[in-house]
């Protein structure tokens, strides 16, 4: 599927999210602030730094390993009550294809943590190059801020940016991080219905980043 298909999917996703609410349910400014984060015990009840709303996510299980809901080149903890599902017909955005959706609705939020993966032929790619291409493929992305991070043995790049879609009245915050494994690059992206929802879901995103390791 061509790169532009990611943008079509984005519009469809926003329509679906807005419908769910009604039924009751780029110019880049780049920085390189480095941060380090160690992987906690998988049995820890909570993990991750406080987000903008001061909350930390409670661990609800791990995905990525063989036999889990989504088999991936990496594994990480997902927040309690969030549900993961492998994507059978992946959509493509930049150099990666959608492989897994982790739904926040059972936890009371409108949005997804989505995992995008590349191929082993891209194993020599640079994480920042992968992430820049991912953001560039999203029409309406603006004011991206990049920084490096470390989780255990993995080194990656994280981005925060603003997104303005055709169905949105104002720009909203989105976040993503990328690492490159022997099986190819992986991008983990957090969107949300709006900036408020995004900030409510940040603890789950930070939990995934902090507990990240190779599968």
N, C-alpha and C. Protein backbone atom coordinates (compact mmCIF):
# COMPACT_ATOMS: atom_id res chain seq x y z
N UNK A 1 0.84 -1.18 0.00
CA UNK A 1 0.00 0.00 0.00
C UNK A 1 0.87 1.23 0.00
N UNK A 2 0.61 2.28 -0.77
CA UNK A 2 1.47 3.43 -0.85
C UNK A 2 1.44 4.24 0.42
N UNK A 3 2.45 5.14 0.55
CA UNK A 3 2.57 5.95 1.76
C UNK A 3 1.30 6.75 2.02
N UNK A 4 0.69 7.30 0.96
CA UNK A 4 -0.49 8.12 1.14
C UNK A 4 -1.64 7.39 1.79
N UNK A 5 -1.63 6.06 1.76
CA UNK A 5 -2.72 5.30 2.37
C UNK A 5 -2.78 5.53 3.86
N UNK A 6 -1.66 5.83 4.48
CA UNK A 6 -1.65 6.11 5.91
C UNK A 6 -2.50 7.30 6.24
N UNK A 7 -2.50 8.32 5.33
CA UNK A 7 -3.28 9.51 5.58
C UNK A 7 -4.77 9.23 5.44
N UNK A 8 -5.16 8.39 4.45
CA UNK A 8 -6.56 8.00 4.30
C UNK A 8 -7.04 7.29 5.54
N UNK A 9 -6.21 6.37 6.03
CA UNK A 9 -6.56 5.64 7.25
C UNK A 9 -6.72 6.59 8.43
N UNK A 10 -5.86 7.63 8.52
CA UNK A 10 -5.96 8.57 9.63
C UNK A 10 -7.33 9.25 9.62
N UNK A 11 -7.79 9.67 8.43
CA UNK A 11 -9.09 10.32 8.35
C UNK A 11 -10.19 9.38 8.77
N UNK A 12 -10.13 8.12 8.32
CA UNK A 12 -11.13 7.14 8.70
C UNK A 12 -11.12 6.88 10.19
N UNK A 13 -9.93 6.86 10.77
CA UNK A 13 -9.81 6.60 12.21
C UNK A 13 -10.46 7.70 13.01
N UNK A 14 -10.25 8.97 12.58
CA UNK A 14 -10.86 10.08 13.30
C UNK A 14 -12.38 10.06 13.19
N UNK A 15 -12.90 9.68 12.01
CA UNK A 15 -14.34 9.54 11.87
C UNK A 15 -14.87 8.51 12.84
N UNK A 16 -14.17 7.36 12.94
CA UNK A 16 -14.61 6.29 13.85
C UNK A 16 -14.58 6.73 15.29
N UNK A 17 -13.54 7.47 15.67
CA UNK A 17 -13.42 7.93 17.04
C UNK A 17 -14.53 8.91 17.38
N UNK A 18 -14.80 9.85 16.47
CA UNK A 18 -15.86 10.83 16.71
C UNK A 18 -17.22 10.14 16.79
N UNK A 19 -17.43 9.14 15.93
CA UNK A 19 -18.69 8.41 15.96
C UNK A 19 -18.86 7.68 17.29
N UNK A 20 -17.75 7.13 17.81
CA UNK A 20 -17.82 6.41 19.08
C UNK A 20 -18.23 7.31 20.22
N UNK A 21 -17.76 8.59 20.18
CA UNK A 21 -18.12 9.53 21.23
C UNK A 21 -19.60 9.87 21.15
N UNK A 22 -20.13 10.10 19.91
CA UNK A 22 -21.51 10.49 19.73
C UNK A 22 -22.48 9.38 20.10
N UNK A 23 -22.01 8.15 19.98
CA UNK A 23 -22.90 7.03 20.32
C UNK A 23 -22.72 6.58 21.75
N UNK A 24 -22.07 7.36 22.57
CA UNK A 24 -21.97 7.09 24.00
C UNK A 24 -20.72 6.34 24.33
N UNK A 25 -20.16 6.02 23.77
CA UNK A 25 -19.09 5.25 24.37
C UNK A 25 -18.42 5.87 25.54
N UNK A 26 5.97 18.70 6.95
CA UNK A 26 5.88 19.44 8.17
C UNK A 26 7.08 20.28 8.39
N UNK A 27 6.57 21.42 9.12
CA UNK A 27 7.75 22.21 9.53
C UNK A 27 8.19 21.69 10.87
N UNK A 28 9.45 21.25 11.00
CA UNK A 28 9.87 20.60 12.23
C UNK A 28 10.81 21.48 13.01
N UNK A 29 10.61 21.51 14.32
CA UNK A 29 11.54 22.16 15.23
C UNK A 29 12.16 21.06 16.05
N UNK A 30 13.41 20.74 15.80
CA UNK A 30 14.00 19.51 16.30
C UNK A 30 14.98 19.79 17.44
N UNK A 31 14.93 18.94 18.48
CA UNK A 31 15.86 19.00 19.58
C UNK A 31 16.45 17.65 19.83
N UNK A 32 17.51 17.59 20.63
CA UNK A 32 18.18 16.32 20.89
C UNK A 32 18.47 16.18 22.37
N UNK A 33 17.44 16.29 23.21
CA UNK A 33 17.62 16.08 24.64
C UNK A 33 17.66 14.60 24.90
N UNK A 34 18.76 14.09 25.42
CA UNK A 34 18.91 12.66 25.67
C UNK A 34 18.37 12.32 27.05
N UNK A 35 17.62 11.20 27.14
CA UNK A 35 17.16 10.71 28.43
C UNK A 35 17.39 9.21 28.49
N UNK A 36 17.59 8.69 29.67
CA UNK A 36 17.83 7.26 29.84
C UNK A 36 16.76 6.69 30.74
N UNK A 37 16.34 5.47 30.47
CA UNK A 37 15.34 4.81 31.30
C UNK A 37 15.66 3.33 31.38
N UNK A 38 15.67 2.80 32.59
CA UNK A 38 15.96 1.39 32.77
C UNK A 38 14.70 0.56 32.83
N UNK A 39 14.77 -0.71 32.47
CA UNK A 39 13.61 -1.59 32.46
C UNK A 39 13.35 -2.13 33.85
N UNK A 40 12.15 -1.93 34.41
CA UNK A 40 11.83 -2.45 35.73
C UNK A 40 11.44 -3.92 35.65
N UNK A 41 11.23 -4.51 36.81
CA UNK A 41 10.77 -5.89 36.85
C UNK A 41 9.42 -6.01 36.19
N UNK A 42 9.22 -7.10 35.44
CA UNK A 42 7.94 -7.30 34.76
C UNK A 42 6.81 -7.55 35.74
N UNK A 43 7.16 -7.87 37.01
CA UNK A 43 6.12 -8.14 38.00
C UNK A 43 5.77 -6.91 38.82
N UNK A 44 6.43 -5.79 38.54
CA UNK A 44 6.13 -4.57 39.29
C UNK A 44 4.69 -4.13 39.03
N UNK A 45 4.02 -3.63 40.08
CA UNK A 45 2.62 -3.24 39.91
C UNK A 45 2.49 -1.99 39.07
N UNK A 46 3.39 -1.03 39.25
CA UNK A 46 3.35 0.19 38.48
C UNK A 46 4.71 0.44 37.86
N UNK A 47 4.71 1.22 36.81
CA UNK A 47 5.94 1.50 36.11
C UNK A 47 5.81 2.79 35.35
N UNK A 48 6.92 3.44 35.04
CA UNK A 48 6.88 4.63 34.22
C UNK A 48 6.90 5.88 35.06
N UNK A 49 7.40 6.97 34.44
CA UNK A 49 7.43 8.25 35.12
C UNK A 49 6.06 8.88 35.08
N UNK A 50 5.84 9.89 35.92
CA UNK A 50 4.56 10.58 35.91
C UNK A 50 4.39 11.32 34.60
N UNK A 51 3.18 11.30 34.07
CA UNK A 51 2.88 12.03 32.85
C UNK A 51 2.43 13.44 33.23
N UNK A 52 1.95 14.19 32.23
CA UNK A 52 1.51 15.56 32.48
C UNK A 52 0.35 15.60 33.46
N UNK A 53 -0.44 14.53 33.56
CA UNK A 53 -1.55 14.54 34.50
C UNK A 53 -1.18 13.94 35.85
N UNK A 54 0.09 13.62 36.04
CA UNK A 54 0.57 13.16 37.33
C UNK A 54 0.29 11.70 37.64
N UNK A 55 -0.20 10.93 36.67
CA UNK A 55 -0.53 9.54 36.89
C UNK A 55 0.56 8.62 36.37
N UNK A 56 0.62 7.41 36.91
CA UNK A 56 1.50 6.36 36.39
C UNK A 56 0.64 5.15 36.04
N UNK A 57 1.00 4.46 34.98
CA UNK A 57 0.19 3.34 34.51
C UNK A 57 0.44 2.09 35.35
N UNK A 58 -0.62 1.33 35.58
CA UNK A 58 -0.53 0.03 36.24
C UNK A 58 -0.35 -1.03 35.16
N UNK A 59 0.62 -1.90 35.35
CA UNK A 59 0.89 -2.94 34.36
C UNK A 59 -0.26 -3.93 34.25
N UNK A 60 -0.67 -4.23 33.01
CA UNK A 60 -1.76 -5.17 32.79
C UNK A 60 -1.35 -6.37 31.96
N UNK A 61 -0.05 -6.58 31.80
CA UNK A 61 0.43 -7.70 31.00
C UNK A 61 1.51 -7.27 30.03
N UNK A 62 2.03 -8.22 29.28
CA UNK A 62 3.11 -7.96 28.34
C UNK A 62 2.72 -8.51 26.97
N UNK A 63 3.06 -7.77 25.92
CA UNK A 63 2.84 -8.25 24.56
C UNK A 63 4.16 -8.24 23.79
N UNK A 64 4.16 -8.93 22.66
CA UNK A 64 5.34 -8.95 21.79
C UNK A 64 5.96 -10.32 21.66
N UNK A 65 6.00 -11.08 22.74
CA UNK A 65 6.61 -12.40 22.72
C UNK A 65 5.70 -13.39 22.00
N UNK A 66 6.27 -14.52 21.57
CA UNK A 66 5.48 -15.57 20.93
C UNK A 66 4.35 -16.02 21.86
N UNK A 67 3.16 -16.14 21.31
CA UNK A 67 2.01 -16.55 22.10
C UNK A 67 1.22 -15.41 22.69
N UNK A 68 1.73 -14.18 22.62
CA UNK A 68 1.00 -13.02 23.14
C UNK A 68 0.02 -12.53 22.09
N UNK A 69 -0.81 -11.57 22.45
CA UNK A 69 -1.83 -11.07 21.53
C UNK A 69 -1.23 -10.51 20.25
N UNK A 70 -0.06 -9.92 20.34
CA UNK A 70 0.66 -9.41 19.17
C UNK A 70 2.10 -9.91 19.25
N UNK A 71 2.53 -10.67 18.28
CA UNK A 71 3.91 -11.14 18.23
C UNK A 71 4.73 -10.12 17.43
N UNK A 72 5.75 -9.55 18.08
CA UNK A 72 6.48 -8.41 17.55
C UNK A 72 7.98 -8.61 17.71
N UNK A 73 8.80 -7.78 17.05
CA UNK A 73 10.25 -7.83 17.26
C UNK A 73 10.66 -7.35 18.65
N UNK A 74 9.74 -6.65 19.35
CA UNK A 74 9.99 -6.16 20.70
C UNK A 74 8.86 -6.63 21.61
N UNK A 75 9.09 -6.50 22.90
CA UNK A 75 8.02 -6.75 23.85
C UNK A 75 7.99 -5.60 24.85
N UNK A 76 6.82 -5.36 25.43
CA UNK A 76 6.68 -4.30 26.43
C UNK A 76 5.39 -4.51 27.21
N UNK A 77 5.30 -3.85 28.35
CA UNK A 77 4.10 -3.94 29.19
C UNK A 77 3.01 -3.02 28.64
N UNK A 78 1.78 -3.48 28.71
CA UNK A 78 0.65 -2.63 28.37
C UNK A 78 -0.10 -2.29 29.65
N UNK A 79 -0.80 -1.16 29.63
CA UNK A 79 -1.49 -0.69 30.82
C UNK A 79 -2.69 -1.56 31.14
N UNK A 80 -3.05 -1.60 32.40
CA UNK A 80 -4.18 -2.39 32.87
C UNK A 80 -5.46 -1.97 32.14
N UNK A 81 -6.23 -2.96 31.72
CA UNK A 81 -7.52 -2.82 31.03
C UNK A 81 -7.38 -2.49 29.55
N UNK A 82 -6.20 -2.10 29.08
CA UNK A 82 -6.02 -1.89 27.64
C UNK A 82 -5.99 -3.26 26.97
N UNK A 83 -6.54 -3.36 25.77
CA UNK A 83 -6.60 -4.64 25.07
C UNK A 83 -5.84 -4.58 23.75
N UNK A 84 -5.02 -5.60 23.50
CA UNK A 84 -4.19 -5.65 22.30
C UNK A 84 -4.76 -6.63 21.29
N UNK A 85 -4.62 -6.27 20.01
CA UNK A 85 -5.10 -7.13 18.93
C UNK A 85 -4.18 -6.99 17.73
N UNK A 86 -3.73 -8.10 17.18
CA UNK A 86 -2.90 -8.07 15.98
C UNK A 86 -3.73 -7.58 14.80
N UNK A 87 -3.07 -6.87 13.88
CA UNK A 87 -3.73 -6.36 12.69
C UNK A 87 -3.47 -7.31 11.54
N UNK A 88 -4.54 -7.85 10.97
CA UNK A 88 -4.40 -8.86 9.92
C UNK A 88 -4.07 -8.26 8.55
N UNK A 89 -4.63 -7.08 8.26
CA UNK A 89 -4.38 -6.43 6.97
C UNK A 89 -3.68 -5.10 7.25
N UNK A 90 -2.37 -5.12 7.38
CA UNK A 90 -1.64 -3.93 7.83
C UNK A 90 -1.71 -2.77 6.85
N UNK A 91 -1.77 -1.58 7.40
CA UNK A 91 -1.67 -0.34 6.65
C UNK A 91 -0.25 0.19 6.78
N UNK A 92 0.18 0.94 5.78
CA UNK A 92 1.56 1.41 5.77
C UNK A 92 1.63 2.92 5.99
N UNK A 93 2.61 3.33 6.77
CA UNK A 93 2.92 4.76 6.93
C UNK A 93 4.44 4.92 6.90
N UNK A 94 4.93 5.57 5.86
CA UNK A 94 6.37 5.68 5.70
C UNK A 94 6.99 4.31 5.52
N UNK A 95 8.04 3.99 6.29
CA UNK A 95 8.75 2.72 6.10
C UNK A 95 8.20 1.54 6.89
N UNK A 96 7.08 1.73 7.60
CA UNK A 96 6.58 0.67 8.48
C UNK A 96 5.10 0.40 8.23
N UNK A 97 4.66 -0.79 8.65
CA UNK A 97 3.27 -1.22 8.47
C UNK A 97 2.63 -1.50 9.83
N UNK A 98 1.34 -1.22 9.92
CA UNK A 98 0.63 -1.43 11.17
C UNK A 98 0.54 -2.92 11.51
N UNK A 99 0.98 -3.28 12.72
CA UNK A 99 1.02 -4.68 13.13
C UNK A 99 0.16 -4.98 14.35
N UNK A 100 -0.11 -3.97 15.18
CA UNK A 100 -0.83 -4.22 16.43
C UNK A 100 -1.53 -2.96 16.89
N UNK A 101 -2.76 -3.11 17.39
CA UNK A 101 -3.50 -2.01 17.99
C UNK A 101 -3.81 -2.34 19.44
N UNK A 102 -3.52 -1.40 20.33
CA UNK A 102 -3.78 -1.57 21.75
C UNK A 102 -4.82 -0.52 22.13
N UNK A 103 -6.00 -0.96 22.43
CA UNK A 103 -7.18 -0.11 22.57
C UNK A 103 -7.34 0.40 24.00
N UNK A 104 -7.53 1.71 24.14
CA UNK A 104 -7.70 2.32 25.47
C UNK A 104 -9.14 2.37 25.92
N UNK A 105 -10.10 2.06 25.05
CA UNK A 105 -11.51 2.23 25.43
C UNK A 105 -11.91 1.43 26.67
N UNK A 106 -11.44 0.17 26.84
CA UNK A 106 -11.82 -0.54 28.08
C UNK A 106 -11.32 0.14 29.34
N UNK A 107 -10.30 1.01 29.20
CA UNK A 107 -9.77 1.74 30.35
C UNK A 107 -10.41 3.12 30.49
N UNK A 108 -11.34 3.45 29.57
CA UNK A 108 -12.07 4.71 29.71
C UNK A 108 -11.58 5.85 28.85
N UNK A 109 -10.69 5.60 27.90
CA UNK A 109 -10.19 6.66 27.03
C UNK A 109 -10.49 6.34 25.57
N UNK A 110 -10.43 7.37 24.73
CA UNK A 110 -10.68 7.21 23.30
C UNK A 110 -9.34 7.33 22.57
N UNK A 111 -8.80 6.22 22.14
CA UNK A 111 -7.54 6.24 21.42
C UNK A 111 -6.86 4.88 21.42
N UNK A 112 -5.74 4.83 20.71
CA UNK A 112 -5.00 3.59 20.57
C UNK A 112 -3.50 3.84 20.74
N UNK A 113 -2.80 2.84 21.24
CA UNK A 113 -1.35 2.73 21.13
C UNK A 113 -1.12 1.76 19.97
N UNK A 114 -0.54 2.23 18.89
CA UNK A 114 -0.37 1.40 17.70
C UNK A 114 1.10 1.07 17.48
N UNK A 115 1.36 -0.16 17.10
CA UNK A 115 2.72 -0.64 16.84
C UNK A 115 2.88 -0.87 15.35
N UNK A 116 3.90 -0.27 14.77
CA UNK A 116 4.20 -0.37 13.35
C UNK A 116 5.56 -1.05 13.19
N UNK A 117 5.69 -1.95 12.25
CA UNK A 117 6.94 -2.68 12.08
C UNK A 117 7.41 -2.64 10.63
N UNK A 118 8.74 -2.75 10.46
CA UNK A 118 9.34 -2.84 9.14
C UNK A 118 9.82 -4.26 8.88
N UNK A 119 10.72 -4.40 7.94
CA UNK A 119 11.23 -5.73 7.58
C UNK A 119 12.68 -5.88 8.01
N UNK A 120 13.14 -7.12 8.05
CA UNK A 120 14.53 -7.38 8.45
C UNK A 120 15.52 -6.74 7.48
N UNK A 121 15.07 -6.47 6.24
CA UNK A 121 15.94 -5.80 5.28
C UNK A 121 16.25 -4.37 5.67
N UNK A 122 15.46 -3.82 6.61
CA UNK A 122 15.68 -2.46 7.10
C UNK A 122 16.40 -2.46 8.44
N UNK A 123 17.03 -3.59 8.81
CA UNK A 123 17.65 -3.71 10.13
C UNK A 123 18.81 -2.75 10.32
N UNK A 124 19.41 -2.26 9.23
CA UNK A 124 20.52 -1.32 9.33
C UNK A 124 20.05 0.14 9.33
N UNK A 125 18.75 0.35 9.29
CA UNK A 125 18.22 1.71 9.27
C UNK A 125 18.48 2.41 10.60
N UNK A 126 18.52 3.71 10.56
CA UNK A 126 18.71 4.52 11.76
C UNK A 126 17.33 4.85 12.35
N UNK A 127 17.22 4.75 13.68
CA UNK A 127 15.91 4.96 14.32
C UNK A 127 15.36 6.34 14.04
N UNK A 128 16.21 7.35 14.04
CA UNK A 128 15.71 8.70 13.78
C UNK A 128 15.23 8.84 12.33
N UNK A 129 15.96 8.25 11.41
CA UNK A 129 15.55 8.31 10.01
C UNK A 129 14.19 7.65 9.83
N UNK A 130 14.00 6.51 10.48
CA UNK A 130 12.71 5.80 10.41
C UNK A 130 11.60 6.67 10.97
N UNK A 131 11.84 7.28 12.13
CA UNK A 131 10.81 8.07 12.78
C UNK A 131 10.50 9.34 11.99
N UNK A 132 11.52 9.97 11.44
CA UNK A 132 11.29 11.16 10.62
C UNK A 132 10.44 10.82 9.39
N UNK A 133 10.70 9.67 8.78
CA UNK A 133 9.92 9.26 7.62
C UNK A 133 8.48 8.95 8.01
N UNK A 134 8.30 8.36 9.19
CA UNK A 134 6.96 8.05 9.69
C UNK A 134 6.15 9.33 9.89
N UNK A 135 6.75 10.33 10.52
CA UNK A 135 6.06 11.60 10.76
C UNK A 135 5.81 12.33 9.44
N UNK A 136 6.79 12.32 8.55
CA UNK A 136 6.65 13.02 7.26
C UNK A 136 5.51 12.44 6.43
N UNK A 137 5.20 11.16 6.61
CA UNK A 137 4.13 10.51 5.85
C UNK A 137 2.75 10.85 6.37
N UNK A 138 2.69 11.58 7.46
CA UNK A 138 1.41 11.94 8.07
C UNK A 138 1.09 13.40 7.74
N UNK A 139 0.27 13.63 6.73
CA UNK A 139 -0.10 15.00 6.36
C UNK A 139 -0.76 15.69 7.54
N UNK A 140 -0.30 16.89 7.83
CA UNK A 140 -0.85 17.62 8.96
C UNK A 140 0.03 17.58 10.19
N UNK A 141 1.14 16.82 10.14
CA UNK A 141 2.08 16.79 11.27
C UNK A 141 2.95 18.03 11.25
N UNK A 142 3.21 18.61 12.40
CA UNK A 142 3.93 19.89 12.47
C UNK A 142 4.65 19.99 13.81
N UNK A 143 5.70 20.81 13.81
CA UNK A 143 6.44 21.15 15.04
C UNK A 143 6.94 19.92 15.78
N UNK A 144 7.59 19.03 15.07
CA UNK A 144 8.13 17.80 15.67
C UNK A 144 9.37 18.10 16.50
N UNK A 145 9.45 17.47 17.66
CA UNK A 145 10.60 17.62 18.56
C UNK A 145 11.14 16.23 18.85
N UNK A 146 12.38 15.97 18.48
CA UNK A 146 12.99 14.64 18.60
C UNK A 146 13.99 14.63 19.75
N UNK A 147 14.11 13.45 20.39
CA UNK A 147 15.15 13.26 21.40
C UNK A 147 15.46 11.76 21.51
N UNK A 148 16.64 11.47 21.98
CA UNK A 148 17.07 10.08 22.13
C UNK A 148 16.60 9.51 23.47
N UNK A 149 16.47 8.18 23.55
CA UNK A 149 16.16 7.53 24.81
C UNK A 149 16.82 6.15 24.82
N UNK A 150 16.89 5.56 26.00
CA UNK A 150 17.42 4.21 26.15
C UNK A 150 16.50 3.42 27.07
N UNK A 151 16.19 2.20 26.68
CA UNK A 151 15.41 1.29 27.51
C UNK A 151 16.14 -0.05 27.52
N UNK A 152 16.78 -0.38 28.63
CA UNK A 152 17.57 -1.60 28.68
C UNK A 152 18.66 -1.57 27.64
N UNK A 153 18.70 -2.60 26.77
CA UNK A 153 19.74 -2.69 25.75
C UNK A 153 19.37 -1.94 24.48
N UNK A 154 18.17 -1.38 24.43
CA UNK A 154 17.72 -0.71 23.22
C UNK A 154 17.93 0.80 23.29
N UNK A 155 18.42 1.34 22.20
CA UNK A 155 18.55 2.79 22.06
C UNK A 155 17.59 3.23 20.96
N UNK A 156 16.83 4.29 21.20
CA UNK A 156 15.87 4.73 20.21
C UNK A 156 15.72 6.23 20.17
N UNK A 157 14.74 6.67 19.42
CA UNK A 157 14.44 8.09 19.27
C UNK A 157 12.94 8.28 19.48
N UNK A 158 12.61 9.35 20.17
CA UNK A 158 11.22 9.67 20.49
C UNK A 158 10.86 11.01 19.84
N UNK A 159 9.59 11.19 19.50
CA UNK A 159 9.13 12.46 18.92
C UNK A 159 7.80 12.86 19.54
N UNK A 160 7.64 14.15 19.73
CA UNK A 160 6.35 14.75 20.08
C UNK A 160 6.04 15.76 18.99
N UNK A 161 4.79 15.78 18.53
CA UNK A 161 4.45 16.71 17.46
C UNK A 161 2.97 17.06 17.53
N UNK A 162 2.58 18.03 16.71
CA UNK A 162 1.19 18.42 16.61
C UNK A 162 0.62 17.89 15.31
N UNK A 163 -0.65 17.50 15.36
CA UNK A 163 -1.31 16.96 14.17
C UNK A 163 -2.61 17.71 13.93
N UNK A 164 -2.82 18.14 12.71
CA UNK A 164 -4.05 18.83 12.33
C UNK A 164 -4.67 18.09 11.16
N UNK A 165 -5.70 17.31 11.41
CA UNK A 165 -6.39 16.58 10.36
C UNK A 165 -7.56 17.37 9.81
N UNK A 166 -8.12 16.89 8.71
CA UNK A 166 -9.22 17.60 8.06
C UNK A 166 -10.45 17.69 8.94
N UNK A 167 -10.64 16.74 9.84
CA UNK A 167 -11.84 16.71 10.67
C UNK A 167 -11.66 17.36 12.03
N UNK A 168 -10.49 17.95 12.26
CA UNK A 168 -10.19 18.55 13.56
C UNK A 168 -10.32 20.07 13.51
N UNK A 169 -10.86 20.65 14.57
CA UNK A 169 -10.97 22.10 14.66
C UNK A 169 -9.67 22.73 15.10
N UNK A 170 -8.84 21.98 15.79
CA UNK A 170 -7.56 22.50 16.26
C UNK A 170 -6.53 21.38 16.29
N UNK A 171 -5.26 21.77 16.37
CA UNK A 171 -4.19 20.78 16.38
C UNK A 171 -4.20 20.03 17.70
N UNK A 172 -3.75 18.76 17.65
CA UNK A 172 -3.66 17.96 18.86
C UNK A 172 -2.28 17.33 18.96
N UNK A 173 -1.90 17.01 20.19
CA UNK A 173 -0.59 16.42 20.44
C UNK A 173 -0.58 14.93 20.11
N UNK A 174 0.53 14.47 19.57
CA UNK A 174 0.75 13.04 19.35
C UNK A 174 2.20 12.72 19.70
N UNK A 175 2.47 11.45 19.98
CA UNK A 175 3.81 11.01 20.37
C UNK A 175 4.13 9.68 19.70
N UNK A 176 5.42 9.45 19.47
CA UNK A 176 5.85 8.16 18.92
C UNK A 176 7.31 7.94 19.28
N UNK A 177 7.70 6.67 19.33
CA UNK A 177 9.12 6.36 19.47
C UNK A 177 9.47 5.22 18.54
N UNK A 178 10.75 5.16 18.18
CA UNK A 178 11.22 4.14 17.23
C UNK A 178 12.51 3.52 17.72
N UNK A 179 12.65 2.22 17.49
CA UNK A 179 13.90 1.49 17.70
C UNK A 179 14.11 0.60 16.49
N UNK A 180 15.35 0.15 16.31
CA UNK A 180 15.66 -0.76 15.22
C UNK A 180 16.19 -2.05 15.83
N UNK A 181 15.60 -3.17 15.44
CA UNK A 181 16.01 -4.49 15.93
C UNK A 181 16.59 -5.31 14.78
N UNK A 182 17.08 -6.49 15.09
CA UNK A 182 17.60 -7.37 14.04
C UNK A 182 16.51 -7.78 13.06
N UNK A 183 15.25 -7.71 13.48
CA UNK A 183 14.13 -8.05 12.62
C UNK A 183 13.52 -6.84 11.92
N UNK A 184 14.15 -5.68 12.09
CA UNK A 184 13.67 -4.48 11.43
C UNK A 184 13.24 -3.40 12.41
N UNK A 185 12.84 -2.23 11.90
CA UNK A 185 12.44 -1.12 12.76
C UNK A 185 11.04 -1.32 13.36
N UNK A 186 10.84 -0.69 14.51
CA UNK A 186 9.55 -0.71 15.19
C UNK A 186 9.22 0.73 15.60
N UNK A 187 8.00 1.15 15.31
CA UNK A 187 7.50 2.46 15.75
C UNK A 187 6.28 2.22 16.62
N UNK A 188 6.25 2.84 17.80
CA UNK A 188 5.09 2.79 18.69
C UNK A 188 4.51 4.20 18.75
N UNK A 189 3.25 4.34 18.39
CA UNK A 189 2.62 5.65 18.23
C UNK A 189 1.40 5.78 19.13
N UNK A 190 1.27 6.95 19.76
CA UNK A 190 0.09 7.26 20.56
C UNK A 190 -0.59 8.49 19.99
N UNK A 191 -1.85 8.34 19.59
CA UNK A 191 -2.63 9.47 19.12
C UNK A 191 -3.64 9.87 20.17
N UNK A 192 -4.91 9.75 19.83
CA UNK A 192 -5.97 10.13 20.74
C UNK A 192 -6.96 11.04 20.05
N UNK A 193 -8.17 11.13 20.59
CA UNK A 193 -9.22 11.95 20.00
C UNK A 193 -8.83 13.42 19.98
N UNK A 194 -8.19 13.87 21.05
CA UNK A 194 -7.73 15.26 21.15
C UNK A 194 -6.56 15.30 22.13
N UNK A 195 -6.03 16.49 22.38
CA UNK A 195 -4.87 16.61 23.27
C UNK A 195 -5.18 16.16 24.69
N UNK A 196 -6.39 16.43 25.16
CA UNK A 196 -6.77 16.00 26.51
C UNK A 196 -6.73 14.48 26.62
N UNK A 197 -7.31 13.79 25.64
CA UNK A 197 -7.27 12.33 25.65
C UNK A 197 -5.83 11.83 25.54
N UNK A 198 -5.04 12.49 24.71
CA UNK A 198 -3.64 12.09 24.54
C UNK A 198 -2.90 12.15 25.88
N UNK A 199 -3.07 13.23 26.60
CA UNK A 199 -2.38 13.39 27.87
C UNK A 199 -2.87 12.37 28.90
N UNK A 200 -4.16 12.02 28.85
CA UNK A 200 -4.68 11.01 29.76
C UNK A 200 -4.05 9.64 29.49
N UNK A 201 -3.68 9.38 28.24
CA UNK A 201 -3.13 8.08 27.86
C UNK A 201 -1.60 8.03 27.90
N UNK A 202 -0.95 9.16 28.15
CA UNK A 202 0.51 9.17 28.16
C UNK A 202 1.14 8.17 29.13
N UNK A 203 0.56 7.92 30.31
CA UNK A 203 1.18 6.92 31.20
C UNK A 203 1.33 5.55 30.54
N UNK A 204 0.36 5.14 29.73
CA UNK A 204 0.45 3.85 29.04
C UNK A 204 1.56 3.86 28.00
N UNK A 205 1.70 4.97 27.31
CA UNK A 205 2.77 5.13 26.32
C UNK A 205 4.14 5.08 27.00
N UNK A 206 4.27 5.79 28.13
CA UNK A 206 5.53 5.82 28.86
C UNK A 206 5.86 4.46 29.46
N UNK A 207 4.83 3.73 29.87
CA UNK A 207 5.04 2.37 30.37
C UNK A 207 5.62 1.48 29.27
N UNK A 208 5.08 1.59 28.07
CA UNK A 208 5.57 0.80 26.94
C UNK A 208 7.03 1.15 26.64
N UNK A 209 7.35 2.42 26.61
CA UNK A 209 8.71 2.85 26.30
C UNK A 209 9.70 2.38 27.37
N UNK A 210 9.29 2.49 28.63
CA UNK A 210 10.20 2.19 29.72
C UNK A 210 10.45 0.68 29.88
N UNK A 211 9.49 -0.14 29.47
CA UNK A 211 9.64 -1.60 29.65
C UNK A 211 10.05 -2.29 28.35
N UNK A 212 10.39 -1.52 27.36
CA UNK A 212 10.72 -2.05 26.03
C UNK A 212 11.97 -2.91 26.05
N UNK A 213 11.91 -4.04 25.37
CA UNK A 213 13.08 -4.90 25.18
C UNK A 213 12.86 -5.73 23.92
N UNK A 214 13.89 -6.40 23.45
CA UNK A 214 13.72 -7.27 22.27
C UNK A 214 12.93 -8.51 22.68
N UNK A 215 12.10 -8.97 21.76
CA UNK A 215 11.23 -10.11 22.07
C UNK A 215 12.01 -11.42 22.05
